[in-house]
């Protein structure tokens, strides 16, 4: 598809990196600017950093592929095609790729030899909806959201009917058993744990206004009823990541100027900063050798920005 021209700011500090609260000044680097490192996509999603190989993998749902951007050479290549319309991705504690697949309505793991193992595709005998985003906890358990978004059309998934509520699931690291940890959340989307793993943050995409909820985690796997931490107002939060200080770096946007990009929240839910992008950001991750390079999957492009923090591991 045709690409569009991108011109980074010639000014430093980059005016695209905006301070909304004095707490954000610590995280903004005066000499770092937003860069567009890849383009020509239809809907970029699910970035995951491979530090041992110095590349990021991310998905392009409508084009049914997983792409690889190499940090050292700047080369963009196809990692997997077809991808069963892969969406959110992460790595497990052994470095293997975990993928949410809209097309197959499943969660898979890519083994060291390149083969794929299905980790979850049914719950209580019924097919999952369209697994959306995924995170791995320090005990090796895998947590993912399962909204019906990929069933709406054949563009971002495979048209079909939901047979299960929009739940949040956990895959046990020892037995492989799938359990529901939160039932019928209003369009669960991006999710992430706090650095101490005592809180699970989840985007509710079907709530109006959209929200980011917090769930207290007890015994490592039990969630409470949850409460609203962030009212997004007219904004649209999507995928997000947590830094070592517990701040939330959230893909954001509605197609309106001043809203598209990444919005940063302090642990108390206060919006402290915003990174303006010319496109809506769906998801992001921390990368680079020091995990201080924010990689932002944003509609047709992958953008990056060095920041003065590190992604929580």
Protein backbone atom coordinates (compact mmCIF):
# COMPACT_ATOMS: atom_id res chain seq x y z
CA UNK A 1 0.00 0.00 0.00
CA UNK A 2 1.24 3.57 -0.61
CA UNK A 3 3.30 5.13 2.13
CA UNK A 4 3.07 8.69 3.42
CA UNK A 5 5.92 11.16 3.95
CA UNK A 6 7.19 11.59 7.49
CA UNK A 7 9.19 14.55 8.69
CA UNK A 8 10.47 14.47 12.27
CA UNK A 9 10.64 17.70 14.21
CA UNK A 10 13.82 19.72 13.74
CA UNK A 11 13.45 21.13 17.23
CA UNK A 12 14.65 19.81 20.55
CA UNK A 13 13.04 19.14 22.92
CA UNK A 14 10.60 17.55 20.48
CA UNK A 15 7.26 19.43 20.78
CA UNK A 16 5.49 16.12 20.09
CA UNK A 17 6.51 14.96 23.58
CA UNK A 18 4.25 16.97 25.87
CA UNK A 19 4.32 17.39 29.63
CA UNK A 20 0.86 17.33 31.23
CA UNK A 21 2.12 17.12 34.81
CA UNK A 22 5.49 18.10 36.34
CA UNK A 23 6.15 14.45 37.16
CA UNK A 24 6.68 13.74 33.46
CA UNK A 25 9.71 16.05 33.14
CA UNK A 26 11.94 13.31 34.56
CA UNK A 27 10.98 10.88 31.77
CA UNK A 28 11.35 13.27 28.85
CA UNK A 29 14.80 13.39 27.23
CA UNK A 30 15.67 16.81 25.85
CA UNK A 31 17.66 15.46 22.90
CA UNK A 32 15.43 12.50 21.92
CA UNK A 33 12.91 12.87 19.11
CA UNK A 34 10.08 10.76 17.73
CA UNK A 35 11.28 8.66 14.78
CA UNK A 36 9.27 6.76 12.19
CA UNK A 37 11.23 3.55 11.63
CA UNK A 38 8.80 1.53 9.45
CA UNK A 39 5.69 2.14 7.38
CA UNK A 40 3.41 0.75 4.70
CA UNK A 41 1.15 -1.24 7.05
CA UNK A 42 -2.64 -1.43 7.39
CA UNK A 43 -3.04 -1.87 11.17
CA UNK A 44 0.05 -2.33 13.30
CA UNK A 45 -0.32 -4.14 16.63
CA UNK A 46 1.30 -6.28 19.29
CA UNK A 47 5.01 -5.26 19.36
CA UNK A 48 7.36 -7.48 21.36
CA UNK A 49 11.09 -6.90 21.84
CA UNK A 50 13.73 -9.61 21.36
CA UNK A 51 16.78 -8.19 23.11
CA UNK A 52 19.01 -11.15 22.32
CA UNK A 53 18.45 -10.59 18.59
CA UNK A 54 18.05 -6.77 18.67
CA UNK A 55 14.75 -6.78 16.81
CA UNK A 56 11.07 -6.16 17.44
CA UNK A 57 8.25 -8.32 16.10
CA UNK A 58 4.85 -6.74 15.51
CA UNK A 59 1.66 -7.67 13.72
CA UNK A 60 -0.23 -6.26 10.74
CA UNK A 61 -3.70 -7.73 11.18
CA UNK A 62 -5.45 -6.97 7.86
CA UNK A 63 -2.38 -8.19 5.94
CA UNK A 64 -2.28 -11.36 8.08
CA UNK A 65 1.41 -11.19 8.91
CA UNK A 66 3.98 -10.75 11.65
CA UNK A 67 6.78 -8.35 10.71
CA UNK A 68 10.31 -7.96 12.04
CA UNK A 69 12.18 -4.66 12.34
CA UNK A 70 15.91 -5.04 12.94
CA UNK A 71 17.28 -2.29 15.18
CA UNK A 72 20.86 -2.51 13.93
CA UNK A 73 20.22 -2.52 10.16
CA UNK A 74 16.83 -0.79 10.11
CA UNK A 75 15.54 -3.52 7.79
CA UNK A 76 11.87 -4.49 7.78
CA UNK A 77 11.02 -8.07 6.81
CA UNK A 78 8.22 -10.62 7.09
CA UNK A 79 8.64 -12.99 10.04
CA UNK A 80 5.47 -15.06 9.49
CA UNK A 81 2.87 -15.15 6.73
CA UNK A 82 0.12 -16.13 7.05
CA UNK A 83 -0.09 -15.50 10.77
CA UNK A 84 -3.72 -16.53 11.41
CA UNK A 85 -4.31 -12.81 11.90
CA UNK A 86 -2.05 -12.46 14.91
CA UNK A 87 -2.76 -9.59 17.27
CA UNK A 88 -1.17 -9.17 20.73
CA UNK A 89 2.16 -10.87 21.44
CA UNK A 90 4.70 -11.29 24.22
CA UNK A 91 7.56 -13.60 25.25
CA UNK A 92 7.51 -16.20 27.99
CA UNK A 93 10.26 -16.54 30.60
CA UNK A 94 12.10 -18.96 28.30
CA UNK A 95 12.17 -16.43 25.46
CA UNK A 96 9.51 -18.10 23.32
CA UNK A 97 6.96 -16.08 21.36
CA UNK A 98 3.37 -16.13 22.66
CA UNK A 99 0.74 -15.01 20.14
CA UNK A 100 -2.97 -14.17 20.31
CA UNK A 101 -4.55 -15.17 16.99
CA UNK A 102 -7.84 -13.69 15.85
CA UNK A 103 -8.16 -16.02 12.88
CA UNK A 104 -7.63 -19.25 14.79
CA UNK A 105 -9.38 -17.95 17.94
CA UNK A 106 -6.46 -19.25 19.96
CA UNK A 107 -3.24 -18.54 21.86
CA UNK A 108 -0.08 -20.22 20.57
CA UNK A 109 3.56 -20.58 21.54
CA UNK A 110 6.37 -20.66 18.98
CA UNK A 111 8.95 -23.24 19.97
CA UNK A 112 12.71 -22.91 19.47
CA UNK A 113 12.50 -24.98 16.27
CA UNK A 114 9.79 -22.70 14.81
CA UNK A 115 6.88 -25.07 15.37
CA UNK A 116 3.72 -23.80 17.06
CA UNK A 117 2.01 -25.24 20.12
CA UNK A 118 -1.64 -24.39 20.81
CA UNK A 119 -1.95 -23.26 24.43
CA UNK A 120 -5.66 -22.38 24.45
CA UNK A 121 -8.51 -22.41 21.94
CA UNK A 122 -11.56 -23.56 23.94
CA UNK A 123 -13.06 -22.97 27.35
CA UNK A 124 -15.62 -25.41 28.77
CA UNK A 125 -15.97 -26.97 25.34
CA UNK A 126 -16.72 -23.71 23.54
CA UNK A 127 -14.37 -21.84 21.16
CA UNK A 128 -12.67 -18.70 22.43
CA UNK A 129 -13.78 -15.41 20.88
CA UNK A 130 -10.68 -13.66 19.53
CA UNK A 131 -7.76 -13.53 21.99
CA UNK A 132 -6.52 -9.96 21.95
CA UNK A 133 -3.57 -9.21 24.23
CA UNK A 134 -1.35 -11.30 26.47
CA UNK A 135 1.14 -11.00 29.32
CA UNK A 136 3.34 -13.54 31.13
CA UNK A 137 3.69 -13.36 34.91
CA UNK A 138 6.91 -14.19 36.79
CA UNK A 139 5.51 -17.59 37.79
CA UNK A 140 5.28 -18.44 34.04
CA UNK A 141 1.48 -18.23 33.99
CA UNK A 142 0.01 -16.68 30.84
CA UNK A 143 -2.85 -14.16 31.11
CA UNK A 144 -4.88 -12.96 28.12
CA UNK A 145 -8.03 -11.05 27.20
CA UNK A 146 -10.71 -12.51 24.94
CA UNK A 147 -13.10 -9.88 23.53
CA UNK A 148 -15.21 -10.53 20.40
CA UNK A 149 -13.49 -7.82 18.31
CA UNK A 150 -12.02 -10.26 15.78
CA UNK A 151 -15.44 -11.77 15.09
CA UNK A 152 -16.93 -8.54 13.76
CA UNK A 153 -15.51 -8.86 10.23
CA UNK A 154 -13.07 -10.70 8.01
CA UNK A 155 -10.81 -7.64 7.93
CA UNK A 156 -9.36 -7.89 11.45
CA UNK A 157 -10.18 -11.53 12.10
CA UNK A 158 -12.73 -14.08 11.02
CA UNK A 159 -16.41 -13.20 11.02
CA UNK A 160 -18.34 -15.30 13.50
CA UNK A 161 -20.46 -15.41 16.63
CA UNK A 162 -19.21 -15.22 20.19
CA UNK A 163 -20.12 -18.27 22.25
CA UNK A 164 -18.42 -17.11 25.44
CA UNK A 165 -18.52 -13.88 27.46
CA UNK A 166 -15.65 -11.43 27.06
CA UNK A 167 -13.45 -12.92 29.79
CA UNK A 168 -9.89 -12.67 31.07
CA UNK A 169 -8.10 -16.03 31.28
CA UNK A 170 -5.06 -17.55 32.94
CA UNK A 171 -3.09 -20.53 31.66
CA UNK A 172 -1.49 -22.48 34.50
CA UNK A 173 2.27 -22.92 33.96
CA UNK A 174 2.37 -26.50 35.28
CA UNK A 175 -0.88 -28.13 34.20
CA UNK A 176 -1.65 -25.95 31.18
CA UNK A 177 -5.21 -25.66 32.49
CA UNK A 178 -7.21 -22.65 31.32
CA UNK A 179 -9.18 -20.79 33.99
CA UNK A 180 -11.34 -17.68 33.88
CA UNK A 181 -10.06 -15.03 36.29
CA UNK A 182 -12.54 -12.25 35.41
CA UNK A 183 -15.93 -12.74 33.79
CA UNK A 184 -17.72 -10.68 31.18
CA UNK A 185 -15.52 -7.58 31.33
CA UNK A 186 -16.73 -4.81 29.01
CA UNK A 187 -14.49 -5.45 26.01
CA UNK A 188 -11.23 -6.41 27.75
CA UNK A 189 -8.28 -5.28 25.66
CA UNK A 190 -4.72 -4.39 26.73
CA UNK A 191 -3.47 -5.72 30.06
CA UNK A 192 -0.31 -5.48 32.17
CA UNK A 193 0.88 -6.18 35.70
CA UNK A 194 2.34 -3.62 38.07
CA UNK A 195 6.09 -4.13 38.68
CA UNK A 196 5.35 -6.03 41.92
CA UNK A 197 2.55 -8.02 40.20
CA UNK A 198 0.06 -7.14 42.94
CA UNK A 199 -2.15 -5.24 40.48
CA UNK A 200 -3.45 -6.21 37.04
CA UNK A 201 -4.41 -3.28 34.79
CA UNK A 202 -6.99 -3.93 32.04
CA UNK A 203 -8.50 -1.67 29.36
CA UNK A 204 -12.30 -1.87 29.06
CA UNK A 205 -12.86 -0.94 25.41
CA UNK A 206 -16.64 -1.36 25.41
CA UNK A 207 -17.26 0.77 28.50
CA UNK A 208 -18.53 4.29 27.78
CA UNK A 209 -16.50 6.24 28.52
CA UNK A 210 -13.67 3.75 28.06
CA UNK A 211 -11.75 2.96 31.21
CA UNK A 212 -8.63 1.33 32.58
CA UNK A 213 -9.47 -0.84 35.58
CA UNK A 214 -7.27 -2.23 38.32
CA UNK A 215 -7.69 -5.68 39.81
CA UNK A 216 -5.91 -6.63 43.01
CA UNK A 217 -4.10 -9.96 42.67
CA UNK A 218 -4.08 -12.30 45.66
CA UNK A 219 -2.34 -15.65 45.97
CA UNK A 220 -0.70 -14.88 42.63
CA UNK A 221 -3.79 -15.76 40.59
CA UNK A 222 -7.05 -14.53 42.15
CA UNK A 223 -8.55 -11.19 41.11
CA UNK A 224 -10.98 -9.06 43.06
CA UNK A 225 -13.97 -7.32 41.46
CA UNK A 226 -11.81 -4.50 40.14
CA UNK A 227 -12.30 -0.74 40.11
CA UNK A 228 -11.91 2.08 37.62
CA UNK A 229 -8.54 3.84 37.84
CA UNK A 230 -8.66 5.92 34.64
CA UNK A 231 -11.66 7.44 32.88
CA UNK A 232 -10.44 7.91 29.30
CA UNK A 233 -13.10 10.51 28.45
CA UNK A 234 -13.09 10.95 24.67
CA UNK A 235 -9.81 9.01 24.38
CA UNK A 236 -9.36 5.41 23.25
CA UNK A 237 -6.82 3.40 25.24
CA UNK A 238 -5.63 0.15 23.66
CA UNK A 239 -2.46 -1.79 24.43
CA UNK A 240 -0.02 -0.51 27.05
CA UNK A 241 3.12 -1.29 29.04
CA UNK A 242 4.39 -0.46 32.52
CA UNK A 243 7.78 1.08 33.33
CA UNK A 244 9.93 0.31 36.36
CA UNK A 245 8.31 3.16 38.30
CA UNK A 246 4.82 1.80 37.69
CA UNK A 247 3.77 4.40 35.10
CA UNK A 248 1.38 3.29 32.35
CA UNK A 249 2.42 4.05 28.76
CA UNK A 250 -0.82 3.64 26.80
CA UNK A 251 -1.57 3.43 23.10
CA UNK A 252 -4.12 6.18 22.56
CA UNK A 253 -6.21 7.95 19.97
CA UNK A 254 -9.50 8.66 18.27
CA UNK A 255 -8.36 10.15 14.99
CA UNK A 256 -8.47 13.66 16.46
CA UNK A 257 -5.50 16.02 16.63
CA UNK A 258 -3.96 16.08 20.08
CA UNK A 259 -5.31 12.65 21.05
CA UNK A 260 -3.52 10.24 18.70
CA UNK A 261 -0.30 8.80 20.08
CA UNK A 262 0.68 7.60 23.54
CA UNK A 263 -0.66 8.87 26.84
CA UNK A 264 1.33 8.33 30.02
CA UNK A 265 -0.28 7.90 33.44
CA UNK A 266 1.25 7.88 36.91
CA UNK A 267 0.36 4.89 39.12
CA UNK A 268 -2.36 7.00 40.78
CA UNK A 269 -4.11 7.42 37.40
CA UNK A 270 -3.06 11.02 36.70
CA UNK A 271 -2.23 11.78 33.07
CA UNK A 272 1.32 13.14 33.19
CA UNK A 273 2.47 13.16 29.56
CA UNK A 274 1.52 12.62 25.93
CA UNK A 275 3.46 11.69 22.79
CA UNK A 276 1.76 13.14 19.72
CA UNK A 277 1.77 10.91 16.63
CA UNK A 278 0.11 11.49 13.27
CA UNK A 279 -1.73 8.17 13.70
CA UNK A 280 -3.56 6.31 16.42
CA UNK A 281 -1.25 4.06 18.45
CA UNK A 282 -2.66 0.59 19.09
CA UNK A 283 0.12 -0.94 21.17
CA UNK A 284 3.72 -0.48 22.25
CA UNK A 285 6.67 -2.03 24.04
CA UNK A 286 9.99 -1.03 25.56
CA UNK A 287 13.05 -2.11 23.57
CA UNK A 288 16.66 -1.34 22.83
CA UNK A 289 19.66 -2.77 24.71
CA UNK A 290 18.67 -0.84 27.86
CA UNK A 291 14.87 -1.19 27.43
CA UNK A 292 14.61 2.60 27.24
CA UNK A 293 13.40 2.83 23.64
CA UNK A 294 9.63 3.04 23.28
CA UNK A 295 8.43 1.25 20.12
CA UNK A 296 4.92 2.31 19.11
CA UNK A 297 2.78 0.30 16.67
CA UNK A 298 0.52 2.95 15.17
CA UNK A 299 -1.94 2.13 12.36
CA UNK A 300 0.33 2.19 9.26
CA UNK A 301 3.68 2.74 11.01
CA UNK A 302 6.15 1.82 13.72
CA UNK A 303 7.54 4.81 15.65
CA UNK A 304 10.21 5.01 18.33
CA UNK A 305 11.26 7.38 21.09
CA UNK A 306 14.04 7.11 23.67
CA UNK A 307 12.78 7.90 27.18
CA UNK A 308 14.36 8.29 30.61
CA UNK A 309 13.00 5.09 32.10
CA UNK A 310 13.03 1.34 31.47
CA UNK A 311 10.30 -1.16 30.80
CA UNK A 312 9.36 -3.34 33.76
CA UNK A 313 10.39 -6.95 33.24
